[in-house]
């Protein structure tokens, strides 16, 4: 019962935010202080005192939400030139009750960031999708089911890059999913890493 109440409240918060959301004020490329202020004032994220750049919401072991803004580009850790500028923001769900779908991640992007960022995502072009047929075949032949279980896409918009990924069980259900918003200049690095997995 607590689980239903928590997710009902979260859904209500998302619906309220939809009706009042304007364009996002904190995005990759901004200073960490600006992003912390935005996170603290975002009605959808509703961080606890002291959350800073990381917000975690846990209802039960079966349902979690995480939002993280970081000075690191997405993918493998690299040397940083600027430790004061946010390069990527990621939100992720783990939900064994309702599951995670690409549509749920897209809707969450719209709710958290507002219509401007959502439209940039919606108009973006797909740069890379996985798994490829070759990856699925390799996973089958080498008995590596996790290789084929990760499904995602990398997109490039006019303003930002977007990386969406879900992980499915062998029954075809997805309980994990993430969306990463990042600086356009980090696209090539991330694409190379995803293709080399």
N, C-alpha and C. Protein backbone atom coordinates (compact mmCIF):
# COMPACT_ATOMS: atom_id res chain seq x y z
N UNK A 1 0.82 -1.20 0.00
CA UNK A 1 0.00 0.00 0.00
C UNK A 1 0.86 1.26 0.00
N UNK A 2 1.96 1.25 0.78
CA UNK A 2 2.87 2.40 0.78
C UNK A 2 3.44 2.65 -0.59
N UNK A 3 3.75 1.55 -1.33
CA UNK A 3 4.32 1.67 -2.66
C UNK A 3 3.35 2.40 -3.59
N UNK A 4 2.11 2.02 -3.57
CA UNK A 4 1.10 2.66 -4.42
C UNK A 4 0.97 4.13 -4.05
N UNK A 5 0.97 4.43 -2.76
CA UNK A 5 0.84 5.82 -2.30
C UNK A 5 2.03 6.66 -2.77
N UNK A 6 3.25 6.12 -2.61
CA UNK A 6 4.44 6.87 -3.02
C UNK A 6 4.41 7.19 -4.50
N UNK A 7 4.14 6.16 -5.34
CA UNK A 7 4.16 6.38 -6.78
C UNK A 7 2.97 7.21 -7.22
N UNK A 8 1.86 7.16 -6.49
CA UNK A 8 0.72 8.03 -6.79
C UNK A 8 1.11 9.48 -6.52
N UNK A 9 1.80 9.72 -5.40
CA UNK A 9 2.24 11.07 -5.07
C UNK A 9 3.26 11.56 -6.10
N UNK A 10 4.21 10.68 -6.50
CA UNK A 10 5.18 11.05 -7.51
C UNK A 10 4.49 11.37 -8.83
N UNK A 11 3.51 10.56 -9.21
CA UNK A 11 2.76 10.82 -10.44
C UNK A 11 1.99 12.13 -10.35
N UNK A 12 1.40 12.40 -9.19
CA UNK A 12 0.68 13.66 -8.99
C UNK A 12 1.65 14.83 -9.11
N UNK A 13 2.84 14.67 -8.52
CA UNK A 13 3.85 15.72 -8.62
C UNK A 13 4.25 15.96 -10.07
N UNK A 14 4.36 14.89 -10.82
CA UNK A 14 4.71 15.01 -12.24
C UNK A 14 3.59 15.71 -13.00
N UNK A 15 2.34 15.36 -12.72
CA UNK A 15 1.22 16.01 -13.40
C UNK A 15 1.15 17.49 -13.05
N UNK A 16 1.37 17.84 -11.79
CA UNK A 16 1.39 19.25 -11.39
C UNK A 16 2.52 19.98 -12.08
N UNK A 17 3.67 19.33 -12.15
CA UNK A 17 4.81 19.96 -12.80
C UNK A 17 4.54 20.16 -14.29
N UNK A 18 3.81 19.23 -14.91
CA UNK A 18 3.50 19.37 -16.32
C UNK A 18 2.69 20.63 -16.60
N UNK A 19 1.80 20.94 -15.69
CA UNK A 19 0.94 22.09 -15.92
C UNK A 19 1.64 23.41 -15.62
N UNK A 20 2.74 23.38 -14.87
CA UNK A 20 3.41 24.62 -14.50
C UNK A 20 4.84 24.69 -14.98
N UNK A 21 5.33 23.65 -15.66
CA UNK A 21 6.72 23.61 -16.04
C UNK A 21 7.01 24.60 -17.15
N UNK A 22 8.09 25.37 -16.96
CA UNK A 22 8.60 26.20 -18.04
C UNK A 22 9.92 25.58 -18.48
N UNK A 23 10.68 26.27 -19.31
CA UNK A 23 11.91 25.67 -19.77
C UNK A 23 12.89 25.48 -18.62
N UNK A 24 13.73 24.48 -18.76
CA UNK A 24 14.66 24.14 -17.69
C UNK A 24 15.68 25.26 -17.48
N UNK A 25 16.07 25.45 -16.24
CA UNK A 25 17.07 26.44 -15.91
C UNK A 25 18.45 25.83 -15.69
N UNK A 26 18.52 24.54 -15.48
CA UNK A 26 19.81 23.89 -15.24
C UNK A 26 20.04 22.82 -16.28
N UNK A 27 21.11 22.96 -16.98
CA UNK A 27 21.42 22.03 -18.05
C UNK A 27 22.91 21.85 -18.14
N UNK A 28 23.35 20.78 -18.79
CA UNK A 28 24.79 20.64 -19.01
C UNK A 28 25.36 21.91 -19.64
N UNK A 29 26.53 22.30 -19.17
CA UNK A 29 27.15 23.53 -19.63
C UNK A 29 27.08 24.65 -18.60
N UNK A 30 26.26 24.46 -17.57
CA UNK A 30 26.14 25.48 -16.53
C UNK A 30 27.03 25.14 -15.34
N UNK A 31 27.28 26.14 -14.51
CA UNK A 31 28.11 25.98 -13.33
C UNK A 31 27.39 25.13 -12.28
N UNK A 32 28.16 24.43 -11.48
CA UNK A 32 27.59 23.52 -10.49
C UNK A 32 26.67 24.25 -9.52
N UNK A 33 27.01 25.47 -9.14
CA UNK A 33 26.17 26.22 -8.20
C UNK A 33 24.78 26.49 -8.78
N UNK A 34 24.74 26.82 -10.07
CA UNK A 34 23.45 27.06 -10.73
C UNK A 34 22.62 25.79 -10.78
N UNK A 35 23.27 24.68 -11.04
CA UNK A 35 22.55 23.41 -11.14
C UNK A 35 22.03 22.98 -9.77
N UNK A 36 22.83 23.17 -8.72
CA UNK A 36 22.37 22.83 -7.37
C UNK A 36 21.14 23.67 -7.01
N UNK A 37 21.17 24.96 -7.34
CA UNK A 37 20.02 25.83 -7.06
C UNK A 37 18.78 25.36 -7.83
N UNK A 38 18.97 24.96 -9.10
CA UNK A 38 17.85 24.48 -9.90
C UNK A 38 17.27 23.19 -9.33
N UNK A 39 18.15 22.26 -8.96
CA UNK A 39 17.69 20.99 -8.38
C UNK A 39 16.86 21.28 -7.12
N UNK A 40 17.36 22.17 -6.28
CA UNK A 40 16.65 22.49 -5.03
C UNK A 40 15.29 23.13 -5.26
N UNK A 41 15.13 23.82 -6.38
CA UNK A 41 13.84 24.48 -6.64
C UNK A 41 12.94 23.70 -7.59
N UNK A 42 13.41 22.57 -8.10
CA UNK A 42 12.63 21.79 -9.06
C UNK A 42 11.53 21.02 -8.32
N UNK A 43 10.26 21.29 -8.61
CA UNK A 43 9.17 20.64 -7.89
C UNK A 43 9.05 19.14 -8.17
N UNK A 44 9.58 18.69 -9.28
CA UNK A 44 9.53 17.26 -9.59
C UNK A 44 10.61 16.49 -8.83
N UNK A 45 11.80 17.05 -8.76
CA UNK A 45 12.91 16.36 -8.10
C UNK A 45 12.76 16.37 -6.57
N UNK A 46 12.27 17.46 -6.01
CA UNK A 46 12.07 17.61 -4.56
C UNK A 46 13.18 16.95 -3.75
N UNK A 47 14.39 17.51 -3.80
CA UNK A 47 15.50 16.89 -3.08
C UNK A 47 15.37 17.06 -1.56
N UNK A 48 16.04 16.20 -0.83
CA UNK A 48 16.12 16.34 0.62
C UNK A 48 17.23 17.34 0.92
N UNK A 49 17.23 17.88 2.11
CA UNK A 49 18.26 18.82 2.51
C UNK A 49 19.63 18.17 2.36
N UNK A 50 20.53 18.88 1.70
CA UNK A 50 21.89 18.39 1.54
C UNK A 50 22.11 17.45 0.38
N UNK A 51 21.10 17.25 -0.47
CA UNK A 51 21.27 16.33 -1.59
C UNK A 51 22.30 16.82 -2.61
N UNK A 52 22.41 18.11 -2.83
CA UNK A 52 23.40 18.63 -3.78
C UNK A 52 23.09 18.22 -5.20
N UNK A 53 24.07 17.61 -5.86
CA UNK A 53 23.93 17.22 -7.26
C UNK A 53 23.32 15.83 -7.44
N UNK A 54 23.07 15.13 -6.33
CA UNK A 54 22.50 13.78 -6.37
C UNK A 54 21.20 13.75 -5.60
N UNK A 55 20.14 13.28 -6.25
CA UNK A 55 18.83 13.12 -5.60
C UNK A 55 18.45 11.66 -5.73
N UNK A 56 18.12 11.03 -4.61
CA UNK A 56 17.70 9.64 -4.62
C UNK A 56 16.36 9.52 -3.91
N UNK A 57 15.44 8.84 -4.57
CA UNK A 57 14.12 8.58 -3.99
C UNK A 57 13.93 7.06 -3.97
N UNK A 58 13.69 6.53 -2.80
CA UNK A 58 13.47 5.10 -2.66
C UNK A 58 12.20 4.87 -1.89
N UNK A 59 11.30 4.11 -2.47
CA UNK A 59 10.08 3.75 -1.76
C UNK A 59 10.25 2.40 -1.10
N UNK A 60 10.66 1.43 -1.88
CA UNK A 60 10.95 0.09 -1.38
C UNK A 60 12.17 -0.39 -2.13
N UNK A 61 12.64 -1.57 -1.80
CA UNK A 61 13.76 -2.13 -2.55
C UNK A 61 13.39 -2.37 -4.01
N UNK A 62 12.10 -2.38 -4.31
CA UNK A 62 11.63 -2.66 -5.67
C UNK A 62 11.44 -1.40 -6.51
N UNK A 63 11.56 -0.20 -5.92
CA UNK A 63 11.33 1.04 -6.68
C UNK A 63 12.31 2.12 -6.22
N UNK A 64 13.11 2.61 -7.20
CA UNK A 64 14.07 3.68 -6.90
C UNK A 64 14.13 4.66 -8.07
N UNK A 65 14.39 5.92 -7.74
CA UNK A 65 14.61 6.97 -8.73
C UNK A 65 15.88 7.70 -8.33
N UNK A 66 16.75 7.98 -9.30
CA UNK A 66 17.98 8.71 -9.03
C UNK A 66 18.16 9.79 -10.09
N UNK A 67 18.58 10.96 -9.64
CA UNK A 67 18.96 12.04 -10.55
C UNK A 67 20.37 12.47 -10.15
N UNK A 68 21.26 12.59 -11.13
CA UNK A 68 22.64 12.97 -10.86
C UNK A 68 23.13 13.95 -11.91
N UNK A 69 23.63 15.08 -11.46
CA UNK A 69 24.32 16.03 -12.33
C UNK A 69 25.80 15.92 -12.01
N UNK A 70 26.63 15.88 -13.05
CA UNK A 70 28.06 15.66 -12.82
C UNK A 70 28.93 16.47 -13.78
N UNK A 71 30.14 16.74 -13.34
CA UNK A 71 31.11 17.46 -14.17
C UNK A 71 31.78 16.50 -15.16
N UNK A 72 31.49 15.22 -15.07
CA UNK A 72 32.06 14.22 -15.97
C UNK A 72 31.20 14.04 -17.21
N UNK A 73 31.83 13.82 -18.36
CA UNK A 73 31.03 13.47 -19.53
C UNK A 73 30.49 12.06 -19.35
N UNK A 74 29.45 11.68 -20.09
CA UNK A 74 28.92 10.32 -19.95
C UNK A 74 29.92 9.30 -20.46
N UNK A 75 29.80 8.08 -19.94
CA UNK A 75 30.70 7.02 -20.37
C UNK A 75 31.88 6.87 -19.43
N UNK A 76 32.98 6.41 -19.98
CA UNK A 76 34.18 6.18 -19.17
C UNK A 76 34.75 7.49 -18.63
N UNK A 77 35.34 7.41 -17.46
CA UNK A 77 35.91 8.60 -16.82
C UNK A 77 37.13 9.07 -17.61
N UNK A 78 37.20 10.38 -17.82
CA UNK A 78 38.33 10.98 -18.53
C UNK A 78 38.87 12.14 -17.71
N UNK A 79 40.00 12.67 -18.14
CA UNK A 79 40.62 13.81 -17.47
C UNK A 79 39.71 15.04 -17.62
N UNK A 80 39.57 15.79 -16.52
CA UNK A 80 38.71 16.98 -16.52
C UNK A 80 39.53 18.25 -16.66
N UNK A 81 39.10 19.12 -17.57
CA UNK A 81 39.71 20.43 -17.68
C UNK A 81 38.99 21.42 -16.78
N UNK A 82 37.69 21.28 -16.67
CA UNK A 82 36.87 22.23 -15.92
C UNK A 82 36.06 21.46 -14.89
N UNK A 83 36.38 21.64 -13.63
CA UNK A 83 35.68 20.92 -12.56
C UNK A 83 34.48 21.70 -12.02
N UNK A 84 34.17 22.83 -12.62
CA UNK A 84 33.07 23.64 -12.13
C UNK A 84 31.86 23.69 -13.04
N UNK A 85 31.93 22.99 -14.18
CA UNK A 85 30.85 23.02 -15.16
C UNK A 85 30.23 21.62 -15.29
N UNK A 86 28.92 21.58 -15.24
CA UNK A 86 28.20 20.31 -15.40
C UNK A 86 28.26 19.89 -16.86
N UNK A 87 28.69 18.64 -17.11
CA UNK A 87 28.77 18.12 -18.47
C UNK A 87 27.63 17.17 -18.79
N UNK A 88 27.08 16.50 -17.78
CA UNK A 88 25.98 15.58 -18.06
C UNK A 88 25.06 15.48 -16.84
N UNK A 89 23.81 15.17 -17.13
CA UNK A 89 22.80 14.94 -16.09
C UNK A 89 22.08 13.65 -16.45
N UNK A 90 21.89 12.81 -15.43
CA UNK A 90 21.29 11.50 -15.66
C UNK A 90 20.17 11.26 -14.66
N UNK A 91 19.05 10.75 -15.17
CA UNK A 91 18.03 10.24 -14.25
C UNK A 91 17.77 8.80 -14.60
N UNK A 92 17.52 8.00 -13.58
CA UNK A 92 17.31 6.57 -13.80
C UNK A 92 16.22 6.04 -12.89
N UNK A 93 15.58 5.00 -13.36
CA UNK A 93 14.53 4.30 -12.62
C UNK A 93 14.92 2.85 -12.44
N UNK A 94 14.59 2.31 -11.30
CA UNK A 94 14.56 0.87 -11.07
C UNK A 94 13.17 0.62 -10.53
N UNK A 95 12.36 -0.14 -11.25
CA UNK A 95 10.98 -0.35 -10.85
C UNK A 95 10.53 -1.76 -11.23
N UNK A 96 10.53 -2.63 -10.25
CA UNK A 96 10.11 -4.02 -10.49
C UNK A 96 8.59 -4.17 -10.45
N UNK A 97 7.88 -3.13 -10.03
CA UNK A 97 6.42 -3.20 -9.96
C UNK A 97 5.79 -2.76 -11.28
N UNK A 98 6.18 -1.57 -11.76
CA UNK A 98 5.58 -1.02 -12.98
C UNK A 98 6.44 -1.22 -14.23
N UNK A 99 7.72 -1.54 -14.03
CA UNK A 99 8.63 -1.66 -15.16
C UNK A 99 9.06 -0.29 -15.67
N UNK A 100 10.01 -0.30 -16.59
CA UNK A 100 10.54 0.92 -17.18
C UNK A 100 10.46 0.78 -18.69
N UNK A 101 9.92 1.80 -19.34
CA UNK A 101 9.79 1.79 -20.80
C UNK A 101 10.44 3.04 -21.38
N UNK A 102 10.78 3.01 -22.66
CA UNK A 102 11.28 4.23 -23.29
C UNK A 102 10.28 5.39 -23.17
N UNK A 103 8.99 5.08 -23.28
CA UNK A 103 7.97 6.13 -23.17
C UNK A 103 8.00 6.78 -21.78
N UNK A 104 8.18 5.98 -20.76
CA UNK A 104 8.26 6.52 -19.40
C UNK A 104 9.48 7.42 -19.24
N UNK A 105 10.60 7.05 -19.83
CA UNK A 105 11.80 7.88 -19.76
C UNK A 105 11.60 9.19 -20.52
N UNK A 106 10.97 9.12 -21.69
CA UNK A 106 10.71 10.34 -22.46
C UNK A 106 9.78 11.29 -21.70
N UNK A 107 8.74 10.73 -21.11
CA UNK A 107 7.80 11.55 -20.34
C UNK A 107 8.50 12.18 -19.14
N UNK A 108 9.37 11.44 -18.50
CA UNK A 108 10.12 11.97 -17.36
C UNK A 108 11.05 13.10 -17.80
N UNK A 109 11.64 12.98 -18.99
CA UNK A 109 12.47 14.06 -19.53
C UNK A 109 11.64 15.32 -19.67
N UNK A 110 10.45 15.18 -20.20
CA UNK A 110 9.57 16.35 -20.39
C UNK A 110 9.17 16.97 -19.05
N UNK A 111 8.88 16.14 -18.07
CA UNK A 111 8.44 16.64 -16.77
C UNK A 111 9.58 17.33 -16.03
N UNK A 112 10.75 16.74 -16.05
CA UNK A 112 11.89 17.30 -15.30
C UNK A 112 12.43 18.56 -15.97
N UNK A 113 12.56 18.55 -17.29
CA UNK A 113 13.24 19.64 -18.00
C UNK A 113 12.33 20.63 -18.71
N UNK A 114 11.09 20.28 -18.92
CA UNK A 114 10.18 21.20 -19.59
C UNK A 114 10.11 20.98 -21.09
N UNK A 115 9.20 21.72 -21.75
CA UNK A 115 8.93 21.48 -23.17
C UNK A 115 10.08 21.81 -24.11
N UNK A 116 10.92 22.81 -23.78
CA UNK A 116 12.01 23.17 -24.69
C UNK A 116 13.00 22.03 -24.89
N UNK A 117 13.42 21.44 -23.79
CA UNK A 117 14.38 20.33 -23.87
C UNK A 117 13.70 19.10 -24.49
N UNK A 118 12.45 18.86 -24.11
CA UNK A 118 11.73 17.72 -24.69
C UNK A 118 11.62 17.86 -26.21
N UNK A 119 11.33 19.08 -26.69
CA UNK A 119 11.22 19.29 -28.14
C UNK A 119 12.58 19.11 -28.82
N UNK A 120 13.65 19.54 -28.14
CA UNK A 120 14.99 19.30 -28.69
C UNK A 120 15.24 17.81 -28.83
N UNK A 121 14.84 17.05 -27.80
CA UNK A 121 14.99 15.59 -27.86
C UNK A 121 14.11 15.01 -28.98
N UNK A 122 12.87 15.45 -29.04
CA UNK A 122 11.92 14.91 -30.00
C UNK A 122 12.36 15.17 -31.44
N UNK A 123 13.04 16.27 -31.69
CA UNK A 123 13.51 16.62 -33.03
C UNK A 123 14.91 16.07 -33.31
N UNK A 124 15.55 15.50 -32.31
CA UNK A 124 16.93 15.04 -32.46
C UNK A 124 17.00 13.86 -33.44
N UNK A 125 18.18 13.65 -33.97
CA UNK A 125 18.37 12.53 -34.89
C UNK A 125 19.08 11.39 -34.16
N UNK A 126 18.70 10.17 -34.52
CA UNK A 126 19.33 8.99 -33.92
C UNK A 126 20.69 8.79 -34.57
N UNK A 127 21.71 8.72 -33.74
CA UNK A 127 23.08 8.52 -34.20
C UNK A 127 23.46 7.05 -34.14
N UNK A 128 22.97 6.37 -33.09
CA UNK A 128 23.32 4.95 -32.91
C UNK A 128 22.23 4.27 -32.09
N UNK A 129 21.83 3.06 -32.52
CA UNK A 129 20.87 2.24 -31.78
C UNK A 129 21.50 0.88 -31.52
N UNK A 130 21.19 0.32 -30.38
CA UNK A 130 21.69 -1.01 -30.05
C UNK A 130 20.66 -1.77 -29.25
N UNK A 131 20.72 -3.12 -29.25
CA UNK A 131 21.77 -3.93 -29.87
C UNK A 131 21.56 -4.05 -31.37
N UNK A 132 22.65 -4.19 -32.07
CA UNK A 132 22.59 -4.42 -33.51
C UNK A 132 22.33 -5.91 -33.73
N UNK A 133 21.90 -6.30 -34.92
CA UNK A 133 21.71 -7.73 -35.19
C UNK A 133 23.00 -8.54 -34.97
N UNK A 134 24.15 -7.93 -35.27
CA UNK A 134 25.43 -8.61 -35.07
C UNK A 134 25.68 -8.84 -33.57
N UNK A 135 25.31 -7.86 -32.74
CA UNK A 135 25.50 -8.00 -31.29
C UNK A 135 24.60 -9.09 -30.74
N UNK A 136 23.37 -9.14 -31.21
CA UNK A 136 22.43 -10.17 -30.75
C UNK A 136 22.96 -11.55 -31.13
N UNK A 137 23.47 -11.67 -32.36
CA UNK A 137 24.02 -12.95 -32.80
C UNK A 137 25.25 -13.34 -31.97
N UNK A 138 26.13 -12.39 -31.73
CA UNK A 138 27.32 -12.64 -30.92
C UNK A 138 26.93 -13.06 -29.50
N UNK A 139 25.96 -12.38 -28.92
CA UNK A 139 25.50 -12.70 -27.57
C UNK A 139 24.93 -14.12 -27.52
N UNK A 140 24.21 -14.51 -28.55
CA UNK A 140 23.64 -15.87 -28.60
C UNK A 140 24.74 -16.91 -28.72
N UNK A 141 25.69 -16.68 -29.64
CA UNK A 141 26.75 -17.65 -29.87
C UNK A 141 27.70 -17.79 -28.68
N UNK A 142 27.98 -16.68 -27.99
CA UNK A 142 28.92 -16.72 -26.87
C UNK A 142 28.22 -16.85 -25.52
N UNK A 143 26.91 -17.03 -25.57
CA UNK A 143 26.11 -17.16 -24.35
C UNK A 143 26.35 -16.01 -23.38
N UNK A 144 26.18 -14.81 -23.92
CA UNK A 144 26.31 -13.57 -23.14
C UNK A 144 24.98 -12.81 -23.19
N UNK A 145 23.98 -13.28 -22.45
CA UNK A 145 22.65 -12.67 -22.57
C UNK A 145 22.61 -11.18 -22.20
N UNK A 146 23.48 -10.74 -21.30
CA UNK A 146 23.47 -9.33 -20.91
C UNK A 146 23.85 -8.41 -22.06
N UNK A 147 24.65 -8.91 -22.97
CA UNK A 147 25.07 -8.12 -24.12
C UNK A 147 23.86 -7.72 -24.98
N UNK A 148 22.92 -8.63 -25.14
CA UNK A 148 21.73 -8.35 -25.94
C UNK A 148 20.61 -7.72 -25.11
N UNK A 149 20.73 -7.76 -23.79
CA UNK A 149 19.66 -7.25 -22.93
C UNK A 149 19.63 -5.73 -22.86
N UNK A 150 20.76 -5.09 -23.13
CA UNK A 150 20.80 -3.62 -23.09
C UNK A 150 20.32 -3.07 -24.42
N UNK A 151 19.26 -2.27 -24.33
CA UNK A 151 18.71 -1.66 -25.53
C UNK A 151 18.76 -0.15 -25.35
N UNK A 152 19.27 0.53 -26.36
CA UNK A 152 19.38 1.97 -26.21
C UNK A 152 19.53 2.69 -27.51
N UNK A 153 19.56 4.00 -27.36
CA UNK A 153 19.77 4.86 -28.51
C UNK A 153 20.52 6.10 -28.07
N UNK A 154 21.32 6.58 -28.99
CA UNK A 154 22.11 7.79 -28.81
C UNK A 154 21.59 8.80 -29.82
N UNK A 155 21.23 10.00 -29.34
CA UNK A 155 20.64 11.01 -30.22
C UNK A 155 21.41 12.31 -30.12
N UNK A 156 21.34 13.11 -31.18
CA UNK A 156 21.95 14.42 -31.19
C UNK A 156 20.90 15.45 -31.56
N UNK A 157 20.64 16.38 -30.63
CA UNK A 157 19.71 17.47 -30.87
C UNK A 157 20.46 18.74 -31.22
N UNK A 158 19.71 19.80 -31.42
CA UNK A 158 20.33 21.11 -31.69
C UNK A 158 21.06 21.64 -30.45
N UNK A 159 20.55 21.31 -29.26
CA UNK A 159 21.14 21.84 -28.02
C UNK A 159 21.98 20.83 -27.27
N UNK A 160 21.53 19.57 -27.22
CA UNK A 160 22.18 18.56 -26.39
C UNK A 160 22.22 17.21 -27.07
N UNK A 161 23.01 16.33 -26.47
CA UNK A 161 23.00 14.93 -26.82
C UNK A 161 22.15 14.19 -25.81
N UNK A 162 21.58 13.06 -26.22
CA UNK A 162 20.69 12.27 -25.35
C UNK A 162 21.04 10.79 -25.49
N UNK A 163 21.14 10.14 -24.36
CA UNK A 163 21.41 8.70 -24.36
C UNK A 163 20.35 8.03 -23.50
N UNK A 164 19.54 7.19 -24.12
CA UNK A 164 18.51 6.45 -23.39
C UNK A 164 18.85 4.97 -23.45
N UNK A 165 18.71 4.29 -22.29
CA UNK A 165 19.02 2.87 -22.24
C UNK A 165 18.11 2.17 -21.25
N UNK A 166 17.64 1.00 -21.64
CA UNK A 166 16.91 0.12 -20.72
C UNK A 166 17.57 -1.25 -20.77
N UNK A 167 17.44 -2.00 -19.70
CA UNK A 167 17.98 -3.36 -19.64
C UNK A 167 16.82 -4.32 -19.43
N UNK A 168 16.66 -5.25 -20.35
CA UNK A 168 15.55 -6.19 -20.28
C UNK A 168 15.99 -7.55 -19.74
N UNK A 169 15.06 -8.20 -19.08
CA UNK A 169 15.29 -9.57 -18.64
C UNK A 169 15.09 -10.48 -19.84
N UNK A 170 15.42 -11.76 -19.70
CA UNK A 170 15.24 -12.68 -20.82
C UNK A 170 13.76 -12.90 -21.14
N UNK A 171 12.88 -12.53 -20.20
CA UNK A 171 11.43 -12.60 -20.46
C UNK A 171 10.93 -11.37 -21.21
N UNK A 172 11.82 -10.39 -21.46
CA UNK A 172 11.44 -9.20 -22.20
C UNK A 172 10.92 -8.07 -21.35
N UNK A 173 11.06 -8.14 -20.03
CA UNK A 173 10.61 -7.06 -19.15
C UNK A 173 11.80 -6.19 -18.77
N UNK A 174 11.58 -4.89 -18.70
CA UNK A 174 12.65 -3.96 -18.31
C UNK A 174 12.33 -3.36 -16.96
N UNK A 175 13.25 -3.52 -16.03
CA UNK A 175 13.09 -2.96 -14.69
C UNK A 175 14.06 -1.81 -14.44
N UNK A 176 15.08 -1.66 -15.29
CA UNK A 176 16.07 -0.60 -15.19
C UNK A 176 16.02 0.27 -16.42
N UNK A 177 16.19 1.57 -16.24
CA UNK A 177 16.28 2.46 -17.38
C UNK A 177 16.91 3.78 -16.99
N UNK A 178 17.56 4.42 -17.96
CA UNK A 178 18.18 5.72 -17.71
C UNK A 178 18.09 6.61 -18.93
N UNK A 179 18.15 7.91 -18.66
CA UNK A 179 18.24 8.92 -19.70
C UNK A 179 19.36 9.87 -19.28
N UNK A 180 20.28 10.14 -20.20
CA UNK A 180 21.40 11.04 -19.93
C UNK A 180 21.32 12.20 -20.91
N UNK A 181 21.43 13.41 -20.38
CA UNK A 181 21.46 14.62 -21.20
C UNK A 181 22.88 15.14 -21.09
N UNK A 182 23.54 15.41 -22.21
CA UNK A 182 24.95 15.77 -22.16
C UNK A 182 25.30 16.80 -23.23
N UNK A 183 26.51 17.37 -23.09
CA UNK A 183 26.99 18.36 -24.04
C UNK A 183 27.22 17.71 -25.40
N UNK A 184 26.88 18.41 -26.45
CA UNK A 184 27.02 17.88 -27.81
C UNK A 184 28.47 17.46 -28.11
N UNK A 185 29.41 18.18 -27.56
CA UNK A 185 30.83 17.90 -27.84
C UNK A 185 31.28 16.54 -27.30
N UNK A 186 30.50 15.93 -26.42
CA UNK A 186 30.86 14.63 -25.86
C UNK A 186 30.25 13.46 -26.63
N UNK A 187 29.56 13.75 -27.72
CA UNK A 187 28.88 12.70 -28.49
C UNK A 187 29.86 11.67 -29.06
N UNK A 188 30.92 12.13 -29.70
CA UNK A 188 31.84 11.19 -30.36
C UNK A 188 32.46 10.22 -29.37
N UNK A 189 32.87 10.72 -28.22
CA UNK A 189 33.46 9.88 -27.18
C UNK A 189 32.48 8.79 -26.76
N UNK A 190 31.25 9.18 -26.45
CA UNK A 190 30.25 8.23 -25.99
C UNK A 190 29.88 7.24 -27.08
N UNK A 191 29.72 7.71 -28.31
CA UNK A 191 29.37 6.80 -29.40
C UNK A 191 30.45 5.74 -29.59
N UNK A 192 31.71 6.15 -29.56
CA UNK A 192 32.81 5.19 -29.70
C UNK A 192 32.77 4.15 -28.60
N UNK A 193 32.54 4.57 -27.37
CA UNK A 193 32.50 3.64 -26.23
C UNK A 193 31.33 2.67 -26.35
N UNK A 194 30.16 3.17 -26.77
CA UNK A 194 29.00 2.28 -26.92
C UNK A 194 29.20 1.27 -28.04
N UNK A 195 29.80 1.70 -29.13
CA UNK A 195 30.03 0.78 -30.24
C UNK A 195 31.08 -0.28 -29.90
N UNK A 196 32.00 0.06 -28.99
CA UNK A 196 33.07 -0.87 -28.63
C UNK A 196 32.71 -1.81 -27.49
N UNK A 197 31.52 -1.69 -26.93
CA UNK A 197 31.15 -2.55 -25.79
C UNK A 197 31.12 -4.00 -26.19
